[in-house]
Amino acid sequence: MLSTDGMQLTDAGCKHFAAFQKLKSLAFFHPAFRSKDFTGSGLTQLKTLPKLERLTFAGSTAGDVAMEAIGQLTQLKEFRTWHTAQTQAGNANLVKLANLTGLRIGQRLPEWGKDSPVSFDESTMVTIAQIKTLESLELTEARLSAKMIPQLQALPKLTKLKIETVDISAADVEAIKAALPRCKVEYKPMSDADKEATLVKKLRL
């Protein structure tokens, strides 16, 4: 496993990961934050790592270009992402991950002074519902409801669902549990203060 935080990564420099042929798990936290030398396109170089199963991409000012590159890493079994500059369009690349069994998806980082459309909401579930291989799904940093039940039911292998840092009613969570009897649903409620601090002030939802 290799985990990095604040690495001054460049697209050109990603080619050096080819040396880690036995690497199974890789995490990028805050990679090359606000750097013009990293769009995420270089992440396609990770295709050369045949044993890479788990990837985390979080806290990055790179967005849809990075997601397009990650969509080419079809060897991945688990992918986690939050606090990036991706959009709903970037999420569509997740469908290309034909071997994905685990997904954690969170919210984009808002860019202050500019309009920053949400990257994850109930409409995103239409995309996630197309990843039929999913067994584990973690949804975080959004406003959701029981309206996503049809999309969750469209995942035939789903056995674990975690809902955390999400504005959703307890009644809707119970409805989801009832609709997914073979799936273990974990839910951590948010206080009103947490919703205001995290969802409103930090993420501008």
N, C-alpha and C. Protein backbone atom coordinates (compact mmCIF):
# COMPACT_ATOMS: atom_id res chain seq x y z
N MET A 1 0.84 -1.20 0.00
CA MET A 1 0.00 0.00 0.00
C MET A 1 0.88 1.25 0.00
N LEU A 2 0.48 2.23 -0.79
CA LEU A 2 1.18 3.51 -0.83
C LEU A 2 0.16 4.62 -0.64
N SER A 3 0.36 5.44 0.39
CA SER A 3 -0.54 6.55 0.67
C SER A 3 0.26 7.84 0.70
N THR A 4 -0.21 8.85 -0.03
CA THR A 4 0.49 10.12 -0.10
C THR A 4 -0.44 11.25 0.33
N ASP A 5 0.13 12.31 0.88
CA ASP A 5 -0.64 13.48 1.27
C ASP A 5 0.16 14.72 0.90
N GLY A 6 -0.39 15.52 -0.02
CA GLY A 6 0.28 16.74 -0.43
C GLY A 6 1.41 16.54 -1.42
N MET A 7 1.46 15.38 -2.05
CA MET A 7 2.52 15.12 -3.03
C MET A 7 2.45 16.12 -4.18
N GLN A 8 3.59 16.67 -4.56
CA GLN A 8 3.65 17.60 -5.69
C GLN A 8 3.71 16.81 -6.99
N LEU A 9 2.61 16.20 -7.29
CA LEU A 9 2.49 15.32 -8.44
C LEU A 9 2.32 16.12 -9.73
N THR A 10 2.89 15.62 -10.81
CA THR A 10 2.67 16.21 -12.13
C THR A 10 2.15 15.11 -13.06
N ASP A 11 1.49 15.51 -14.12
CA ASP A 11 0.99 14.51 -15.07
C ASP A 11 2.15 13.72 -15.67
N ALA A 12 3.21 14.41 -16.01
CA ALA A 12 4.38 13.74 -16.59
C ALA A 12 5.03 12.79 -15.60
N GLY A 13 5.02 13.18 -14.33
CA GLY A 13 5.67 12.38 -13.31
C GLY A 13 4.96 11.09 -12.97
N CYS A 14 3.70 10.98 -13.36
CA CYS A 14 2.92 9.77 -13.04
C CYS A 14 3.53 8.52 -13.66
N LYS A 15 4.34 8.70 -14.70
CA LYS A 15 4.93 7.54 -15.37
C LYS A 15 5.84 6.74 -14.44
N HIS A 16 6.34 7.38 -13.40
CA HIS A 16 7.27 6.70 -12.49
C HIS A 16 6.58 5.66 -11.62
N PHE A 17 5.24 5.71 -11.55
CA PHE A 17 4.54 4.69 -10.77
C PHE A 17 4.64 3.32 -11.43
N ALA A 18 5.05 3.28 -12.70
CA ALA A 18 5.20 2.01 -13.41
C ALA A 18 6.20 1.08 -12.74
N ALA A 19 7.05 1.64 -11.90
CA ALA A 19 8.05 0.83 -11.20
C ALA A 19 7.44 -0.04 -10.10
N PHE A 20 6.22 0.31 -9.68
CA PHE A 20 5.58 -0.40 -8.55
C PHE A 20 4.62 -1.47 -9.08
N GLN A 21 5.16 -2.47 -9.73
CA GLN A 21 4.34 -3.48 -10.39
C GLN A 21 3.52 -4.35 -9.42
N LYS A 22 3.91 -4.41 -8.17
CA LYS A 22 3.19 -5.24 -7.20
C LYS A 22 2.22 -4.42 -6.35
N LEU A 23 2.12 -3.13 -6.62
CA LEU A 23 1.28 -2.25 -5.81
C LEU A 23 -0.19 -2.61 -5.95
N LYS A 24 -0.86 -2.79 -4.80
CA LYS A 24 -2.28 -3.15 -4.79
C LYS A 24 -3.19 -1.99 -4.38
N SER A 25 -2.65 -1.08 -3.55
CA SER A 25 -3.48 0.01 -3.02
C SER A 25 -2.71 1.32 -3.09
N LEU A 26 -3.36 2.36 -3.63
CA LEU A 26 -2.71 3.66 -3.79
C LEU A 26 -3.69 4.76 -3.40
N ALA A 27 -3.22 5.70 -2.59
CA ALA A 27 -4.08 6.80 -2.14
C ALA A 27 -3.40 8.14 -2.40
N PHE A 28 -4.14 9.03 -3.04
CA PHE A 28 -3.69 10.40 -3.25
C PHE A 28 -4.58 11.34 -2.44
N PHE A 29 -4.03 11.95 -1.40
CA PHE A 29 -4.74 12.97 -0.64
C PHE A 29 -4.08 14.32 -0.94
N HIS A 30 -4.86 15.28 -1.36
CA HIS A 30 -4.38 16.64 -1.67
C HIS A 30 -3.20 16.63 -2.63
N PRO A 31 -3.28 15.89 -3.74
CA PRO A 31 -2.15 15.87 -4.68
C PRO A 31 -2.04 17.16 -5.49
N ALA A 32 -0.85 17.76 -5.49
CA ALA A 32 -0.56 18.93 -6.32
C ALA A 32 -1.68 19.97 -6.27
N PHE A 33 -2.08 20.32 -5.07
CA PHE A 33 -3.23 21.22 -4.89
C PHE A 33 -2.96 22.57 -5.57
N ARG A 34 -3.88 22.96 -6.44
CA ARG A 34 -3.81 24.21 -7.21
C ARG A 34 -2.63 24.28 -8.17
N SER A 35 -2.03 23.16 -8.49
CA SER A 35 -0.91 23.15 -9.43
C SER A 35 -1.40 23.03 -10.87
N LYS A 36 -0.86 23.86 -11.75
CA LYS A 36 -1.22 23.81 -13.16
C LYS A 36 -0.55 22.64 -13.88
N ASP A 37 0.40 22.01 -13.20
CA ASP A 37 1.12 20.89 -13.81
C ASP A 37 0.44 19.54 -13.58
N PHE A 38 -0.72 19.58 -12.92
CA PHE A 38 -1.44 18.33 -12.67
C PHE A 38 -2.93 18.51 -12.96
N THR A 39 -3.35 17.96 -14.07
CA THR A 39 -4.78 17.95 -14.43
C THR A 39 -5.41 16.61 -14.09
N GLY A 40 -4.55 15.62 -13.88
CA GLY A 40 -5.02 14.27 -13.64
C GLY A 40 -4.90 13.37 -14.85
N SER A 41 -4.58 13.94 -16.01
CA SER A 41 -4.46 13.13 -17.23
C SER A 41 -3.38 12.06 -17.10
N GLY A 42 -2.35 12.36 -16.32
CA GLY A 42 -1.25 11.42 -16.14
C GLY A 42 -1.63 10.15 -15.39
N LEU A 43 -2.79 10.16 -14.74
CA LEU A 43 -3.22 8.97 -13.99
C LEU A 43 -3.46 7.78 -14.89
N THR A 44 -3.55 8.00 -16.21
CA THR A 44 -3.68 6.87 -17.12
C THR A 44 -2.46 5.95 -17.04
N GLN A 45 -1.34 6.50 -16.56
CA GLN A 45 -0.12 5.69 -16.42
C GLN A 45 -0.31 4.54 -15.44
N LEU A 46 -1.31 4.66 -14.57
CA LEU A 46 -1.55 3.60 -13.59
C LEU A 46 -2.11 2.34 -14.24
N LYS A 47 -2.46 2.42 -15.51
CA LYS A 47 -2.93 1.23 -16.24
C LYS A 47 -1.84 0.17 -16.29
N THR A 48 -0.60 0.59 -16.13
CA THR A 48 0.53 -0.34 -16.22
C THR A 48 0.73 -1.14 -14.94
N LEU A 49 -0.11 -0.90 -13.93
CA LEU A 49 0.00 -1.61 -12.65
C LEU A 49 -1.06 -2.70 -12.60
N PRO A 50 -0.73 -3.92 -12.98
CA PRO A 50 -1.73 -4.98 -13.11
C PRO A 50 -2.40 -5.41 -11.81
N LYS A 51 -1.73 -5.20 -10.68
CA LYS A 51 -2.28 -5.65 -9.40
C LYS A 51 -2.98 -4.54 -8.62
N LEU A 52 -3.03 -3.34 -9.18
CA LEU A 52 -3.67 -2.23 -8.48
C LEU A 52 -5.17 -2.46 -8.38
N GLU A 53 -5.66 -2.59 -7.14
CA GLU A 53 -7.07 -2.88 -6.91
C GLU A 53 -7.80 -1.73 -6.24
N ARG A 54 -7.09 -0.94 -5.43
CA ARG A 54 -7.75 0.10 -4.64
C ARG A 54 -7.10 1.46 -4.91
N LEU A 55 -7.93 2.45 -5.20
CA LEU A 55 -7.43 3.80 -5.45
C LEU A 55 -8.29 4.81 -4.71
N THR A 56 -7.62 5.75 -4.03
CA THR A 56 -8.29 6.88 -3.39
C THR A 56 -7.79 8.15 -4.05
N PHE A 57 -8.72 9.02 -4.44
CA PHE A 57 -8.37 10.30 -5.05
C PHE A 57 -9.21 11.36 -4.36
N ALA A 58 -8.59 12.12 -3.46
CA ALA A 58 -9.35 13.04 -2.61
C ALA A 58 -8.58 14.32 -2.33
N GLY A 59 -9.33 15.41 -2.17
CA GLY A 59 -8.71 16.68 -1.84
C GLY A 59 -7.88 17.23 -2.97
N SER A 60 -8.46 17.28 -4.17
CA SER A 60 -7.69 17.71 -5.34
C SER A 60 -8.41 18.79 -6.13
N THR A 61 -7.65 19.71 -6.70
CA THR A 61 -8.22 20.72 -7.58
C THR A 61 -8.30 20.20 -9.02
N ALA A 62 -7.86 18.97 -9.25
CA ALA A 62 -8.09 18.32 -10.53
C ALA A 62 -9.52 17.78 -10.54
N GLY A 63 -10.09 17.66 -11.73
CA GLY A 63 -11.49 17.26 -11.80
C GLY A 63 -11.80 16.24 -12.86
N ASP A 64 -12.58 16.64 -13.87
CA ASP A 64 -13.09 15.69 -14.85
C ASP A 64 -12.01 15.05 -15.71
N VAL A 65 -10.92 15.76 -15.95
CA VAL A 65 -9.81 15.16 -16.71
C VAL A 65 -9.24 13.98 -15.93
N ALA A 66 -9.12 14.16 -14.62
CA ALA A 66 -8.64 13.08 -13.77
C ALA A 66 -9.63 11.92 -13.76
N MET A 67 -10.92 12.23 -13.70
CA MET A 67 -11.93 11.17 -13.68
C MET A 67 -11.93 10.39 -14.99
N GLU A 68 -11.69 11.08 -16.09
CA GLU A 68 -11.61 10.39 -17.38
C GLU A 68 -10.43 9.42 -17.40
N ALA A 69 -9.32 9.84 -16.82
CA ALA A 69 -8.15 8.97 -16.73
C ALA A 69 -8.42 7.78 -15.82
N ILE A 70 -9.04 8.03 -14.69
CA ILE A 70 -9.35 6.96 -13.73
C ILE A 70 -10.31 5.95 -14.35
N GLY A 71 -11.20 6.42 -15.21
CA GLY A 71 -12.13 5.52 -15.89
C GLY A 71 -11.44 4.49 -16.77
N GLN A 72 -10.17 4.71 -17.07
CA GLN A 72 -9.41 3.76 -17.89
C GLN A 72 -8.70 2.70 -17.04
N LEU A 73 -8.79 2.84 -15.72
CA LEU A 73 -8.11 1.90 -14.82
C LEU A 73 -9.04 0.74 -14.50
N THR A 74 -9.31 -0.06 -15.51
CA THR A 74 -10.33 -1.10 -15.38
C THR A 74 -9.93 -2.24 -14.46
N GLN A 75 -8.69 -2.24 -13.98
CA GLN A 75 -8.28 -3.27 -13.02
C GLN A 75 -8.78 -2.95 -11.61
N LEU A 76 -9.25 -1.74 -11.38
CA LEU A 76 -9.67 -1.33 -10.04
C LEU A 76 -10.88 -2.13 -9.54
N LYS A 77 -10.82 -2.49 -8.26
CA LYS A 77 -11.95 -3.12 -7.59
C LYS A 77 -12.60 -2.17 -6.59
N GLU A 78 -11.82 -1.22 -6.08
CA GLU A 78 -12.35 -0.24 -5.13
C GLU A 78 -11.87 1.15 -5.51
N PHE A 79 -12.78 2.11 -5.44
CA PHE A 79 -12.41 3.50 -5.73
C PHE A 79 -13.12 4.42 -4.74
N ARG A 80 -12.36 5.37 -4.21
CA ARG A 80 -12.91 6.34 -3.26
C ARG A 80 -12.54 7.74 -3.73
N THR A 81 -13.52 8.64 -3.75
CA THR A 81 -13.24 10.01 -4.17
C THR A 81 -14.15 11.01 -3.46
N TRP A 82 -13.57 12.14 -3.08
CA TRP A 82 -14.32 13.25 -2.50
C TRP A 82 -13.42 14.48 -2.49
N HIS A 83 -14.03 15.64 -2.37
CA HIS A 83 -13.31 16.92 -2.31
C HIS A 83 -12.37 17.13 -3.50
N THR A 84 -12.89 16.92 -4.70
CA THR A 84 -12.14 17.20 -5.92
C THR A 84 -12.89 18.28 -6.70
N ALA A 85 -12.46 18.51 -7.93
CA ALA A 85 -13.13 19.50 -8.78
C ALA A 85 -14.00 18.83 -9.84
N GLN A 86 -14.31 17.56 -9.64
CA GLN A 86 -15.10 16.84 -10.64
C GLN A 86 -16.53 17.35 -10.69
N THR A 87 -17.20 17.06 -11.81
CA THR A 87 -18.60 17.44 -12.00
C THR A 87 -19.42 16.17 -12.23
N GLN A 88 -20.70 16.35 -12.45
CA GLN A 88 -21.56 15.20 -12.76
C GLN A 88 -21.07 14.50 -14.03
N ALA A 89 -20.58 15.28 -14.99
CA ALA A 89 -20.08 14.69 -16.24
C ALA A 89 -18.90 13.77 -15.97
N GLY A 90 -18.05 14.16 -15.04
CA GLY A 90 -16.90 13.34 -14.70
C GLY A 90 -17.29 12.01 -14.07
N ASN A 91 -18.39 12.02 -13.32
CA ASN A 91 -18.85 10.80 -12.67
C ASN A 91 -19.19 9.71 -13.67
N ALA A 92 -19.56 10.09 -14.89
CA ALA A 92 -19.95 9.11 -15.90
C ALA A 92 -18.83 8.13 -16.21
N ASN A 93 -17.60 8.52 -15.95
CA ASN A 93 -16.47 7.64 -16.21
C ASN A 93 -16.42 6.44 -15.27
N LEU A 94 -17.12 6.52 -14.16
CA LEU A 94 -17.14 5.41 -13.21
C LEU A 94 -17.75 4.16 -13.82
N VAL A 95 -18.65 4.34 -14.76
CA VAL A 95 -19.33 3.21 -15.39
C VAL A 95 -18.35 2.33 -16.17
N LYS A 96 -17.22 2.89 -16.55
CA LYS A 96 -16.22 2.15 -17.33
C LYS A 96 -15.44 1.16 -16.47
N LEU A 97 -15.55 1.29 -15.15
CA LEU A 97 -14.78 0.43 -14.25
C LEU A 97 -15.51 -0.90 -14.08
N ALA A 98 -15.26 -1.80 -15.01
CA ALA A 98 -16.03 -3.04 -15.13
C ALA A 98 -15.83 -4.02 -13.99
N ASN A 99 -14.77 -3.86 -13.21
CA ASN A 99 -14.49 -4.78 -12.11
C ASN A 99 -14.71 -4.16 -10.73
N LEU A 100 -15.34 -3.00 -10.70
CA LEU A 100 -15.50 -2.26 -9.45
C LEU A 100 -16.52 -2.93 -8.53
N THR A 101 -16.08 -3.25 -7.31
CA THR A 101 -16.99 -3.83 -6.32
C THR A 101 -17.26 -2.89 -5.16
N GLY A 102 -16.39 -1.89 -4.98
CA GLY A 102 -16.57 -0.95 -3.87
C GLY A 102 -16.40 0.49 -4.32
N LEU A 103 -17.30 1.36 -3.88
CA LEU A 103 -17.23 2.78 -4.26
C LEU A 103 -17.61 3.66 -3.08
N ARG A 104 -16.77 4.66 -2.83
CA ARG A 104 -17.14 5.74 -1.91
C ARG A 104 -17.14 7.02 -2.73
N ILE A 105 -18.25 7.74 -2.71
CA ILE A 105 -18.34 8.98 -3.46
C ILE A 105 -18.81 10.10 -2.56
N GLY A 106 -18.09 11.22 -2.64
CA GLY A 106 -18.44 12.39 -1.84
C GLY A 106 -18.57 13.62 -2.71
N GLN A 107 -18.56 14.76 -2.09
CA GLN A 107 -18.86 16.02 -2.78
C GLN A 107 -17.62 16.72 -3.30
N ARG A 108 -17.80 17.49 -4.35
CA ARG A 108 -16.71 18.32 -4.87
C ARG A 108 -16.36 19.41 -3.86
N LEU A 109 -15.17 19.98 -4.03
CA LEU A 109 -14.79 21.15 -3.25
C LEU A 109 -15.29 22.38 -3.97
N PRO A 110 -16.06 23.25 -3.33
CA PRO A 110 -16.50 24.47 -4.00
C PRO A 110 -15.33 25.42 -4.22
N GLU A 111 -15.34 26.08 -5.34
CA GLU A 111 -14.31 27.08 -5.63
C GLU A 111 -14.86 28.44 -5.28
N TRP A 112 -14.32 29.05 -4.27
CA TRP A 112 -14.86 30.30 -3.75
C TRP A 112 -14.78 31.41 -4.79
N GLY A 113 -15.87 32.14 -4.90
CA GLY A 113 -15.93 33.23 -5.87
C GLY A 113 -16.45 32.79 -7.22
N LYS A 114 -16.67 31.48 -7.38
CA LYS A 114 -17.18 30.96 -8.64
C LYS A 114 -18.35 30.02 -8.38
N ASP A 115 -19.19 29.85 -9.40
CA ASP A 115 -20.29 28.91 -9.30
C ASP A 115 -19.72 27.49 -9.34
N SER A 116 -20.05 26.70 -8.35
CA SER A 116 -19.53 25.33 -8.28
C SER A 116 -20.70 24.36 -8.15
N PRO A 117 -21.25 23.91 -9.28
CA PRO A 117 -22.37 22.97 -9.23
C PRO A 117 -21.99 21.72 -8.45
N VAL A 118 -22.95 21.15 -7.76
CA VAL A 118 -22.67 19.94 -6.98
C VAL A 118 -22.22 18.82 -7.91
N SER A 119 -21.35 17.97 -7.41
CA SER A 119 -20.88 16.83 -8.20
C SER A 119 -21.59 15.55 -7.80
N PHE A 120 -22.29 15.59 -6.66
CA PHE A 120 -22.99 14.40 -6.19
C PHE A 120 -24.32 14.78 -5.56
N ASP A 121 -25.40 14.28 -6.15
CA ASP A 121 -26.74 14.43 -5.59
C ASP A 121 -27.56 13.23 -6.06
N GLU A 122 -28.87 13.30 -5.90
CA GLU A 122 -29.69 12.13 -6.27
C GLU A 122 -29.59 11.79 -7.75
N SER A 123 -29.35 12.78 -8.60
CA SER A 123 -29.24 12.49 -10.03
C SER A 123 -28.01 11.63 -10.33
N THR A 124 -27.01 11.69 -9.48
CA THR A 124 -25.80 10.88 -9.66
C THR A 124 -26.10 9.40 -9.53
N MET A 125 -27.16 9.08 -8.80
CA MET A 125 -27.50 7.68 -8.58
C MET A 125 -27.87 6.96 -9.87
N VAL A 126 -28.32 7.70 -10.87
CA VAL A 126 -28.62 7.10 -12.17
C VAL A 126 -27.34 6.53 -12.78
N THR A 127 -26.24 7.25 -12.60
CA THR A 127 -24.94 6.77 -13.07
C THR A 127 -24.47 5.58 -12.25
N ILE A 128 -24.55 5.71 -10.94
CA ILE A 128 -24.08 4.64 -10.05
C ILE A 128 -24.86 3.35 -10.28
N ALA A 129 -26.13 3.48 -10.60
CA ALA A 129 -26.98 2.30 -10.83
C ALA A 129 -26.51 1.46 -12.01
N GLN A 130 -25.67 2.03 -12.85
CA GLN A 130 -25.16 1.30 -14.01
C GLN A 130 -23.94 0.44 -13.69
N ILE A 131 -23.40 0.60 -12.47
CA ILE A 131 -22.21 -0.17 -12.07
C ILE A 131 -22.70 -1.45 -11.40
N LYS A 132 -23.09 -2.42 -12.18
CA LYS A 132 -23.77 -3.62 -11.69
C LYS A 132 -22.90 -4.52 -10.83
N THR A 133 -21.60 -4.29 -10.84
CA THR A 133 -20.68 -5.12 -10.06
C THR A 133 -20.56 -4.68 -8.61
N LEU A 134 -21.14 -3.53 -8.26
CA LEU A 134 -20.96 -2.98 -6.91
C LEU A 134 -21.52 -3.89 -5.83
N GLU A 135 -20.70 -4.12 -4.82
CA GLU A 135 -21.12 -4.87 -3.64
C GLU A 135 -21.19 -3.96 -2.41
N SER A 136 -20.35 -2.92 -2.41
CA SER A 136 -20.29 -1.99 -1.28
C SER A 136 -20.34 -0.56 -1.81
N LEU A 137 -21.19 0.26 -1.19
CA LEU A 137 -21.37 1.64 -1.64
C LEU A 137 -21.43 2.56 -0.44
N GLU A 138 -20.62 3.61 -0.46
CA GLU A 138 -20.62 4.61 0.60
C GLU A 138 -20.98 5.96 0.00
N LEU A 139 -22.05 6.55 0.50
CA LEU A 139 -22.54 7.84 0.02
C LEU A 139 -22.31 8.88 1.11
N THR A 140 -21.68 9.99 0.74
CA THR A 140 -21.35 10.98 1.76
C THR A 140 -21.40 12.39 1.19
N GLU A 141 -21.70 13.35 2.05
CA GLU A 141 -21.67 14.78 1.71
C GLU A 141 -22.68 15.16 0.63
N ALA A 142 -23.94 14.89 0.91
CA ALA A 142 -24.99 15.21 -0.06
C ALA A 142 -26.33 15.34 0.65
N ARG A 143 -27.33 15.75 -0.12
CA ARG A 143 -28.71 15.76 0.35
C ARG A 143 -29.45 14.69 -0.44
N LEU A 144 -29.90 13.65 0.25
CA LEU A 144 -30.50 12.51 -0.41
C LEU A 144 -31.85 12.16 0.21
N SER A 145 -32.55 11.24 -0.44
CA SER A 145 -33.85 10.81 0.07
C SER A 145 -34.15 9.40 -0.42
N ALA A 146 -35.32 8.90 -0.06
CA ALA A 146 -35.74 7.57 -0.48
C ALA A 146 -36.02 7.50 -1.98
N LYS A 147 -35.98 8.62 -2.66
CA LYS A 147 -36.20 8.62 -4.11
C LYS A 147 -35.13 7.83 -4.85
N MET A 148 -34.01 7.58 -4.19
CA MET A 148 -32.93 6.83 -4.85
C MET A 148 -33.10 5.32 -4.71
N ILE A 149 -34.18 4.87 -4.09
CA ILE A 149 -34.41 3.43 -3.91
C ILE A 149 -34.36 2.65 -5.23
N PRO A 150 -35.02 3.10 -6.30
CA PRO A 150 -34.96 2.34 -7.56
C PRO A 150 -33.54 2.15 -8.08
N GLN A 151 -32.70 3.16 -7.92
CA GLN A 151 -31.32 3.05 -8.38
C GLN A 151 -30.53 2.06 -7.52
N LEU A 152 -30.79 2.08 -6.22
CA LEU A 152 -30.12 1.13 -5.33
C LEU A 152 -30.58 -0.30 -5.62
N GLN A 153 -31.85 -0.46 -5.91
CA GLN A 153 -32.38 -1.79 -6.22
C GLN A 153 -31.85 -2.32 -7.55
N ALA A 154 -31.33 -1.42 -8.37
CA ALA A 154 -30.78 -1.82 -9.67
C ALA A 154 -29.39 -2.42 -9.55
N LEU A 155 -28.86 -2.43 -8.33
CA LEU A 155 -27.52 -3.00 -8.09
C LEU A 155 -27.69 -4.40 -7.51
N PRO A 156 -27.64 -5.43 -8.34
CA PRO A 156 -27.98 -6.78 -7.91
C PRO A 156 -27.04 -7.40 -6.88
N LYS A 157 -25.80 -6.91 -6.80
CA LYS A 157 -24.82 -7.51 -5.90
C LYS A 157 -24.58 -6.68 -4.63
N LEU A 158 -25.32 -5.60 -4.47
CA LEU A 158 -25.09 -4.71 -3.34
C LEU A 158 -25.46 -5.38 -2.02
N THR A 159 -24.47 -5.47 -1.11
CA THR A 159 -24.70 -6.07 0.20
C THR A 159 -24.39 -5.12 1.34
N LYS A 160 -23.74 -3.99 1.04
CA LYS A 160 -23.40 -3.03 2.09
C LYS A 160 -23.58 -1.61 1.58
N LEU A 161 -24.34 -0.83 2.31
CA LEU A 161 -24.58 0.58 1.98
C LEU A 161 -24.32 1.42 3.22
N LYS A 162 -23.45 2.41 3.08
CA LYS A 162 -23.14 3.31 4.19
C LYS A 162 -23.54 4.72 3.81
N ILE A 163 -24.31 5.36 4.66
CA ILE A 163 -24.77 6.73 4.43
C ILE A 163 -24.27 7.58 5.58
N GLU A 164 -23.37 8.51 5.28
CA GLU A 164 -22.74 9.30 6.33
C GLU A 164 -22.50 10.72 5.85
N THR A 165 -22.63 11.68 6.76
CA THR A 165 -22.51 13.10 6.41
C THR A 165 -23.49 13.43 5.28
N VAL A 166 -24.70 12.95 5.43
CA VAL A 166 -25.76 13.13 4.44
C VAL A 166 -27.01 13.67 5.11
N ASP A 167 -27.63 14.64 4.48
CA ASP A 167 -28.91 15.17 4.95
C ASP A 167 -30.01 14.28 4.38
N ILE A 168 -30.53 13.40 5.21
CA ILE A 168 -31.59 12.48 4.83
C ILE A 168 -32.40 12.16 6.07
N SER A 169 -33.69 12.04 5.93
CA SER A 169 -34.53 11.80 7.10
C SER A 169 -34.41 10.35 7.57
N ALA A 170 -34.64 10.16 8.86
CA ALA A 170 -34.60 8.81 9.42
C ALA A 170 -35.65 7.92 8.78
N ALA A 171 -36.80 8.51 8.45
CA ALA A 171 -37.87 7.75 7.81
C ALA A 171 -37.44 7.25 6.44
N ASP A 172 -36.72 8.08 5.71
CA ASP A 172 -36.25 7.67 4.39
C ASP A 172 -35.20 6.56 4.51
N VAL A 173 -34.37 6.63 5.53
CA VAL A 173 -33.39 5.57 5.75
C VAL A 173 -34.09 4.25 6.04
N GLU A 174 -35.14 4.30 6.84
CA GLU A 174 -35.90 3.09 7.14
C GLU A 174 -36.56 2.53 5.89
N ALA A 175 -37.02 3.42 5.02
CA ALA A 175 -37.62 2.98 3.75
C ALA A 175 -36.59 2.29 2.87
N ILE A 176 -35.38 2.82 2.88
CA ILE A 176 -34.29 2.22 2.10
C ILE A 176 -33.95 0.83 2.65
N LYS A 177 -33.89 0.72 3.97
CA LYS A 177 -33.60 -0.57 4.59
C LYS A 177 -34.67 -1.60 4.21
N ALA A 178 -35.92 -1.18 4.23
CA ALA A 178 -37.02 -2.09 3.90
C ALA A 178 -36.97 -2.52 2.44
N ALA A 179 -36.52 -1.61 1.59
CA ALA A 179 -36.47 -1.89 0.16
C ALA A 179 -35.27 -2.75 -0.23
N LEU A 180 -34.28 -2.82 0.67
CA LEU A 180 -33.05 -3.59 0.40
C LEU A 180 -32.82 -4.61 1.50
N PRO A 181 -33.67 -5.62 1.61
CA PRO A 181 -33.59 -6.57 2.73
C PRO A 181 -32.30 -7.37 2.78
N ARG A 182 -31.62 -7.53 1.66
CA ARG A 182 -30.38 -8.32 1.64
C ARG A 182 -29.13 -7.46 1.76
N CYS A 183 -29.35 -6.18 2.01
CA CYS A 183 -28.23 -5.24 2.09
C CYS A 183 -28.12 -4.68 3.51
N LYS A 184 -26.91 -4.68 4.06
CA LYS A 184 -26.68 -4.07 5.36
C LYS A 184 -26.54 -2.57 5.18
N VAL A 185 -27.41 -1.82 5.82
CA VAL A 185 -27.41 -0.36 5.68
C VAL A 185 -26.91 0.28 6.97
N GLU A 186 -25.83 1.03 6.87
CA GLU A 186 -25.28 1.77 8.00
C GLU A 186 -25.59 3.25 7.81
N TYR A 187 -26.07 3.87 8.86
CA TYR A 187 -26.46 5.28 8.75
C TYR A 187 -26.05 6.03 10.00
N LYS A 188 -25.36 7.14 9.80
CA LYS A 188 -24.98 8.01 10.91
C LYS A 188 -25.67 9.35 10.71
N PRO A 189 -26.65 9.67 11.55
CA PRO A 189 -27.40 10.93 11.38
C PRO A 189 -26.54 12.16 11.65
N MET A 190 -26.93 13.26 11.04
CA MET A 190 -26.25 14.54 11.25
C MET A 190 -27.11 15.45 12.13
N SER A 191 -26.46 16.19 12.99
CA SER A 191 -27.18 17.19 13.78
C SER A 191 -27.40 18.42 12.90
N ASP A 192 -28.30 19.28 13.32
CA ASP A 192 -28.55 20.50 12.56
C ASP A 192 -27.29 21.36 12.49
N ALA A 193 -26.52 21.35 13.57
CA ALA A 193 -25.27 22.13 13.60
C ALA A 193 -24.27 21.58 12.59
N ASP A 194 -24.20 20.25 12.49
CA ASP A 194 -23.28 19.62 11.54
C ASP A 194 -23.70 19.92 10.10
N LYS A 195 -24.99 19.89 9.86
CA LYS A 195 -25.49 20.19 8.51
C LYS A 195 -25.12 21.62 8.11
N GLU A 196 -25.27 22.53 9.04
CA GLU A 196 -24.96 23.93 8.76
C GLU A 196 -23.45 24.11 8.52
N ALA A 197 -22.65 23.50 9.38
CA ALA A 197 -21.20 23.68 9.29
C ALA A 197 -20.59 22.99 8.07
N THR A 198 -21.03 21.77 7.81
CA THR A 198 -20.41 20.98 6.74
C THR A 198 -21.10 21.15 5.39
N LEU A 199 -22.41 20.92 5.36
CA LEU A 199 -23.11 20.94 4.08
C LEU A 199 -23.34 22.35 3.54
N VAL A 200 -23.66 23.27 4.44
CA VAL A 200 -23.98 24.63 3.99
C VAL A 200 -22.73 25.50 3.88
N LYS A 201 -22.00 25.65 4.98
CA LYS A 201 -20.88 26.58 4.99
C LYS A 201 -19.65 26.05 4.25
N LYS A 202 -19.31 24.78 4.45
CA LYS A 202 -18.11 24.22 3.85
C LYS A 202 -18.32 23.81 2.39
N LEU A 203 -19.41 23.08 2.14
CA LEU A 203 -19.63 22.52 0.81
C LEU A 203 -20.61 23.32 -0.04
N ARG A 204 -21.28 24.28 0.57
CA ARG A 204 -22.23 25.16 -0.13
C ARG A 204 -23.31 24.37 -0.88
N LEU A 205 -23.94 23.46 -0.16
CA LEU A 205 -25.02 22.67 -0.74
C LEU A 205 -26.37 23.34 -0.45
